[in-house]
């Protein structure tokens, strides 16, 4: 994703209720300045459905400044919750982070966000630290290290 994808981000956010946007971003929309700041700190992808409609946004970046630790940002359009979209994107983000040498993936979420907490537990061993109504979850990326990943198949072009 690049700054030129602002319209896709807006189309994605139009599929999310204000409550979920506030929980994820602390606001109901991302400005071009917000998007530029996010892209400067993280690699982001927009997940599209079969009709090229945006259905998810995932970001992985070194927010904490700790070597080998990357932060996961993930949001799925409201009408696509509980369909495995977030899990698939989080696993792909973990694979990419592990392939780039990260050993830990972190996520900061509301303690009541049980769906996200369960998703993170499916990625690997977790450690939780409570911070008021929020929780930081750290996921060990041992299973996503390059030496442990199965080889990918090449598709002839």
C-alpha atoms as a PDB file:
ATOM      1  CA  UNK A   1       0.000   0.000   0.000  1.00  0.00           C
ATOM      2  CA  UNK A   2       1.171   3.554  -0.726  1.00  0.00           C
ATOM      3  CA  UNK A   3      -0.133   7.030   0.020  1.00  0.00           C
ATOM      4  CA  UNK A   4      -1.858   6.896  -3.379  1.00  0.00           C
ATOM      5  CA  UNK A   5      -4.178   4.228  -1.923  1.00  0.00           C
ATOM      6  CA  UNK A   6      -6.003   6.739   0.280  1.00  0.00           C
ATOM      7  CA  UNK A   7      -9.268   6.191  -1.610  1.00  0.00           C
ATOM      8  CA  UNK A   8      -9.047   2.428  -0.966  1.00  0.00           C
ATOM      9  CA  UNK A   9      -8.450   3.074   2.742  1.00  0.00           C
ATOM     10  CA  UNK A  10     -11.468   5.418   2.822  1.00  0.00           C
ATOM     11  CA  UNK A  11     -13.596   2.800   1.012  1.00  0.00           C
ATOM     12  CA  UNK A  12     -12.471   0.199   3.539  1.00  0.00           C
ATOM     13  CA  UNK A  13     -13.253   2.442   6.501  1.00  0.00           C
ATOM     14  CA  UNK A  14     -16.722   3.122   5.052  1.00  0.00           C
ATOM     15  CA  UNK A  15     -17.407  -0.579   5.763  1.00  0.00           C
ATOM     16  CA  UNK A  16     -16.474  -0.230   9.442  1.00  0.00           C
ATOM     17  CA  UNK A  17     -18.685   1.158  12.188  1.00  0.00           C
ATOM     18  CA  UNK A  18     -17.528   4.214  14.132  1.00  0.00           C
ATOM     19  CA  UNK A  19     -17.100   2.136  17.289  1.00  0.00           C
ATOM     20  CA  UNK A  20     -14.641  -0.255  15.604  1.00  0.00           C
ATOM     21  CA  UNK A  21     -12.759   2.613  13.957  1.00  0.00           C
ATOM     22  CA  UNK A  22     -12.416   4.347  17.309  1.00  0.00           C
ATOM     23  CA  UNK A  23     -11.180   1.130  18.946  1.00  0.00           C
ATOM     24  CA  UNK A  24      -8.589   0.536  16.213  1.00  0.00           C
ATOM     25  CA  UNK A  25      -7.432   4.054  15.347  1.00  0.00           C
ATOM     26  CA  UNK A  26      -8.699   6.325  18.102  1.00  0.00           C
ATOM     27  CA  UNK A  27     -10.615   8.266  15.420  1.00  0.00           C
ATOM     28  CA  UNK A  28     -13.267   7.623  12.789  1.00  0.00           C
ATOM     29  CA  UNK A  29     -11.099   8.247   9.731  1.00  0.00           C
ATOM     30  CA  UNK A  30      -7.457   8.443   8.717  1.00  0.00           C
ATOM     31  CA  UNK A  31      -6.355  11.700   7.148  1.00  0.00           C
ATOM     32  CA  UNK A  32      -3.742  11.711   4.366  1.00  0.00           C
ATOM     33  CA  UNK A  33      -1.251  12.930   6.995  1.00  0.00           C
ATOM     34  CA  UNK A  34      -2.142   9.993   9.295  1.00  0.00           C
ATOM     35  CA  UNK A  35      -1.731   7.569   6.406  1.00  0.00           C
ATOM     36  CA  UNK A  36       1.647   9.035   5.423  1.00  0.00           C
ATOM     37  CA  UNK A  37       2.860   8.759   9.033  1.00  0.00           C
ATOM     38  CA  UNK A  38       1.669   5.140   9.221  1.00  0.00           C
ATOM     39  CA  UNK A  39       3.350   4.221   5.933  1.00  0.00           C
ATOM     40  CA  UNK A  40       6.613   5.805   7.102  1.00  0.00           C
ATOM     41  CA  UNK A  41       6.673   3.398  10.074  1.00  0.00           C
ATOM     42  CA  UNK A  42       5.110   0.238   8.697  1.00  0.00           C
ATOM     43  CA  UNK A  43       4.533  -1.884   5.645  1.00  0.00           C
ATOM     44  CA  UNK A  44       0.790  -2.049   4.985  1.00  0.00           C
ATOM     45  CA  UNK A  45      -1.491  -4.103   2.778  1.00  0.00           C
ATOM     46  CA  UNK A  46      -5.135  -3.828   1.854  1.00  0.00           C
ATOM     47  CA  UNK A  47      -6.914  -7.154   1.514  1.00  0.00           C
ATOM     48  CA  UNK A  48      -9.359  -7.224  -1.384  1.00  0.00           C
ATOM     49  CA  UNK A  49     -12.278  -9.562  -1.966  1.00  0.00           C
ATOM     50  CA  UNK A  50     -12.993 -11.298  -5.289  1.00  0.00           C
ATOM     51  CA  UNK A  51     -14.728  -8.134  -6.534  1.00  0.00           C
ATOM     52  CA  UNK A  52     -11.676  -5.966  -5.715  1.00  0.00           C
ATOM     53  CA  UNK A  53     -13.555  -4.433  -2.767  1.00  0.00           C
ATOM     54  CA  UNK A  54     -11.315  -3.637   0.240  1.00  0.00           C
ATOM     55  CA  UNK A  55     -12.124  -5.878   3.187  1.00  0.00           C
ATOM     56  CA  UNK A  56      -9.112  -5.609   5.503  1.00  0.00           C
ATOM     57  CA  UNK A  57      -6.098  -3.520   6.374  1.00  0.00           C
ATOM     58  CA  UNK A  58      -2.947  -4.988   7.899  1.00  0.00           C
ATOM     59  CA  UNK A  59       0.267  -3.217   8.899  1.00  0.00           C
ATOM     60  CA  UNK A  60       3.565  -4.506  10.273  1.00  0.00           C
ATOM     61  CA  UNK A  61       6.211  -2.113  11.470  1.00  0.00           C
ATOM     62  CA  UNK A  62       8.876  -1.391  14.017  1.00  0.00           C
ATOM     63  CA  UNK A  63       6.883   0.915  16.241  1.00  0.00           C
ATOM     64  CA  UNK A  64       8.636   0.132  19.532  1.00  0.00           C
ATOM     65  CA  UNK A  65      12.155   0.629  18.163  1.00  0.00           C
ATOM     66  CA  UNK A  66      13.198  -2.690  19.706  1.00  0.00           C
ATOM     67  CA  UNK A  67      15.374  -4.759  17.341  1.00  0.00           C
ATOM     68  CA  UNK A  68      13.567  -7.869  16.112  1.00  0.00           C
ATOM     69  CA  UNK A  69      10.184  -6.686  17.433  1.00  0.00           C
ATOM     70  CA  UNK A  70       7.420  -5.617  15.039  1.00  0.00           C
ATOM     71  CA  UNK A  71       3.939  -4.339  15.737  1.00  0.00           C
ATOM     72  CA  UNK A  72       0.851  -5.767  14.048  1.00  0.00           C
ATOM     73  CA  UNK A  73      -2.057  -3.530  13.113  1.00  0.00           C
ATOM     74  CA  UNK A  74      -5.099  -5.327  11.775  1.00  0.00           C
ATOM     75  CA  UNK A  75      -8.657  -4.392  10.995  1.00  0.00           C
ATOM     76  CA  UNK A  76     -11.282  -6.337   9.070  1.00  0.00           C
ATOM     77  CA  UNK A  77     -14.472  -4.847   7.615  1.00  0.00           C
ATOM     78  CA  UNK A  78     -17.397  -5.394   9.960  1.00  0.00           C
ATOM     79  CA  UNK A  79     -19.311  -7.714   7.615  1.00  0.00           C
ATOM     80  CA  UNK A  80     -16.262 -10.001   7.216  1.00  0.00           C
ATOM     81  CA  UNK A  81     -15.591 -10.690  10.911  1.00  0.00           C
ATOM     82  CA  UNK A  82     -15.333 -14.342  11.977  1.00  0.00           C
ATOM     83  CA  UNK A  83     -14.591 -15.628   8.462  1.00  0.00           C
ATOM     84  CA  UNK A  84     -10.850 -16.249   8.894  1.00  0.00           C
ATOM     85  CA  UNK A  85      -9.765 -13.116   7.005  1.00  0.00           C
ATOM     86  CA  UNK A  86      -7.956 -11.595   9.999  1.00  0.00           C
ATOM     87  CA  UNK A  87      -6.285 -14.878  10.912  1.00  0.00           C
ATOM     88  CA  UNK A  88      -5.035 -15.415   7.353  1.00  0.00           C
ATOM     89  CA  UNK A  89      -3.670 -11.869   7.132  1.00  0.00           C
ATOM     90  CA  UNK A  90      -2.074 -12.055  10.584  1.00  0.00           C
ATOM     91  CA  UNK A  91      -0.350 -15.335   9.663  1.00  0.00           C
ATOM     92  CA  UNK A  92       0.941 -13.799   6.432  1.00  0.00           C
ATOM     93  CA  UNK A  93       2.194 -10.763   8.367  1.00  0.00           C
ATOM     94  CA  UNK A  94       3.933 -13.093  10.848  1.00  0.00           C
ATOM     95  CA  UNK A  95       5.558 -15.023   7.972  1.00  0.00           C
ATOM     96  CA  UNK A  96       6.832 -11.824   6.377  1.00  0.00           C
ATOM     97  CA  UNK A  97       8.094 -10.475   9.712  1.00  0.00           C
ATOM     98  CA  UNK A  98       9.821 -13.780  10.528  1.00  0.00           C
ATOM     99  CA  UNK A  99      11.412 -13.934   7.070  1.00  0.00           C
ATOM    100  CA  UNK A 100      12.802 -10.447   7.674  1.00  0.00           C
ATOM    101  CA  UNK A 101      14.396 -11.514  10.954  1.00  0.00           C
ATOM    102  CA  UNK A 102      11.786 -10.463  13.515  1.00  0.00           C
ATOM    103  CA  UNK A 103      11.544 -12.719  16.549  1.00  0.00           C
ATOM    104  CA  UNK A 104       8.514 -11.095  18.209  1.00  0.00           C
ATOM    105  CA  UNK A 105       5.240  -9.676  16.944  1.00  0.00           C
ATOM    106  CA  UNK A 106       3.345  -7.316  19.248  1.00  0.00           C
ATOM    107  CA  UNK A 107      -0.204  -6.030  19.240  1.00  0.00           C
ATOM    108  CA  UNK A 108      -1.828  -3.474  21.519  1.00  0.00           C
ATOM    109  CA  UNK A 109      -5.569  -3.923  21.831  1.00  0.00           C
ATOM    110  CA  UNK A 110      -8.481  -3.347  24.149  1.00  0.00           C
ATOM    111  CA  UNK A 111      -8.693  -6.102  26.773  1.00  0.00           C
ATOM    112  CA  UNK A 112     -12.308  -6.722  25.758  1.00  0.00           C
ATOM    113  CA  UNK A 113     -11.274  -7.496  22.148  1.00  0.00           C
ATOM    114  CA  UNK A 114     -11.504 -11.243  22.663  1.00  0.00           C
ATOM    115  CA  UNK A 115     -11.517 -11.998  18.927  1.00  0.00           C
ATOM    116  CA  UNK A 116      -8.125 -10.314  18.447  1.00  0.00           C
ATOM    117  CA  UNK A 117      -6.712 -11.931  21.585  1.00  0.00           C
ATOM    118  CA  UNK A 118      -7.764 -15.391  20.347  1.00  0.00           C
ATOM    119  CA  UNK A 119      -6.343 -14.661  16.889  1.00  0.00           C
ATOM    120  CA  UNK A 120      -2.974 -13.736  18.411  1.00  0.00           C
ATOM    121  CA  UNK A 121      -2.913 -16.944  20.467  1.00  0.00           C
ATOM    122  CA  UNK A 122      -3.343 -18.931  17.234  1.00  0.00           C
ATOM    123  CA  UNK A 123      -0.144 -17.370  15.847  1.00  0.00           C
ATOM    124  CA  UNK A 124       2.114 -18.848  18.511  1.00  0.00           C
ATOM    125  CA  UNK A 125       3.124 -18.622  22.152  1.00  0.00           C
ATOM    126  CA  UNK A 126       1.955 -15.322  23.649  1.00  0.00           C
ATOM    127  CA  UNK A 127       2.769 -13.160  26.643  1.00  0.00           C
ATOM    128  CA  UNK A 128       0.237 -10.555  27.797  1.00  0.00           C
ATOM    129  CA  UNK A 129       0.855  -7.342  29.726  1.00  0.00           C
ATOM    130  CA  UNK A 130      -2.177  -5.436  30.994  1.00  0.00           C
ATOM    131  CA  UNK A 131      -2.160  -1.626  30.763  1.00  0.00           C
ATOM    132  CA  UNK A 132      -5.459  -0.371  32.207  1.00  0.00           C
ATOM    133  CA  UNK A 133      -8.248  -1.308  29.783  1.00  0.00           C
ATOM    134  CA  UNK A 134      -5.676  -2.361  27.162  1.00  0.00           C
ATOM    135  CA  UNK A 135      -3.352  -5.299  26.788  1.00  0.00           C
ATOM    136  CA  UNK A 136      -0.084  -5.681  24.921  1.00  0.00           C
ATOM    137  CA  UNK A 137       0.344  -9.148  23.464  1.00  0.00           C
ATOM    138  CA  UNK A 138       3.730 -10.444  22.376  1.00  0.00           C
ATOM    139  CA  UNK A 139       3.863 -13.419  20.040  1.00  0.00           C
ATOM    140  CA  UNK A 140       7.052 -15.440  19.634  1.00  0.00           C
ATOM    141  CA  UNK A 141       7.741 -15.865  15.911  1.00  0.00           C
ATOM    142  CA  UNK A 142       9.893 -18.999  16.240  1.00  0.00           C
ATOM    143  CA  UNK A 143       7.527 -20.948  13.978  1.00  0.00           C
ATOM    144  CA  UNK A 144       7.858 -18.245  11.310  1.00  0.00           C
ATOM    145  CA  UNK A 145      11.662 -18.152  11.155  1.00  0.00           C
ATOM    146  CA  UNK A 146      12.975 -18.707   7.598  1.00  0.00           C
ATOM    147  CA  UNK A 147      14.611 -22.056   8.419  1.00  0.00           C
ATOM    148  CA  UNK A 148      11.308 -23.500   9.702  1.00  0.00           C
ATOM    149  CA  UNK A 149       9.066 -22.365   6.849  1.00  0.00           C
ATOM    150  CA  UNK A 150       8.139 -24.962   4.266  1.00  0.00           C
ATOM    151  CA  UNK A 151       9.355 -24.190   0.742  1.00  0.00           C
ATOM    152  CA  UNK A 152       6.894 -22.309  -1.438  1.00  0.00           C
ATOM    153  CA  UNK A 153       5.815 -23.641  -4.815  1.00  0.00           C
ATOM    154  CA  UNK A 154       6.749 -21.707  -7.881  1.00  0.00           C
ATOM    155  CA  UNK A 155       3.969 -21.001 -10.285  1.00  0.00           C
ATOM    156  CA  UNK A 156       5.096 -20.951 -13.929  1.00  0.00           C
ATOM    157  CA  UNK A 157       4.393 -17.660 -15.678  1.00  0.00           C
END
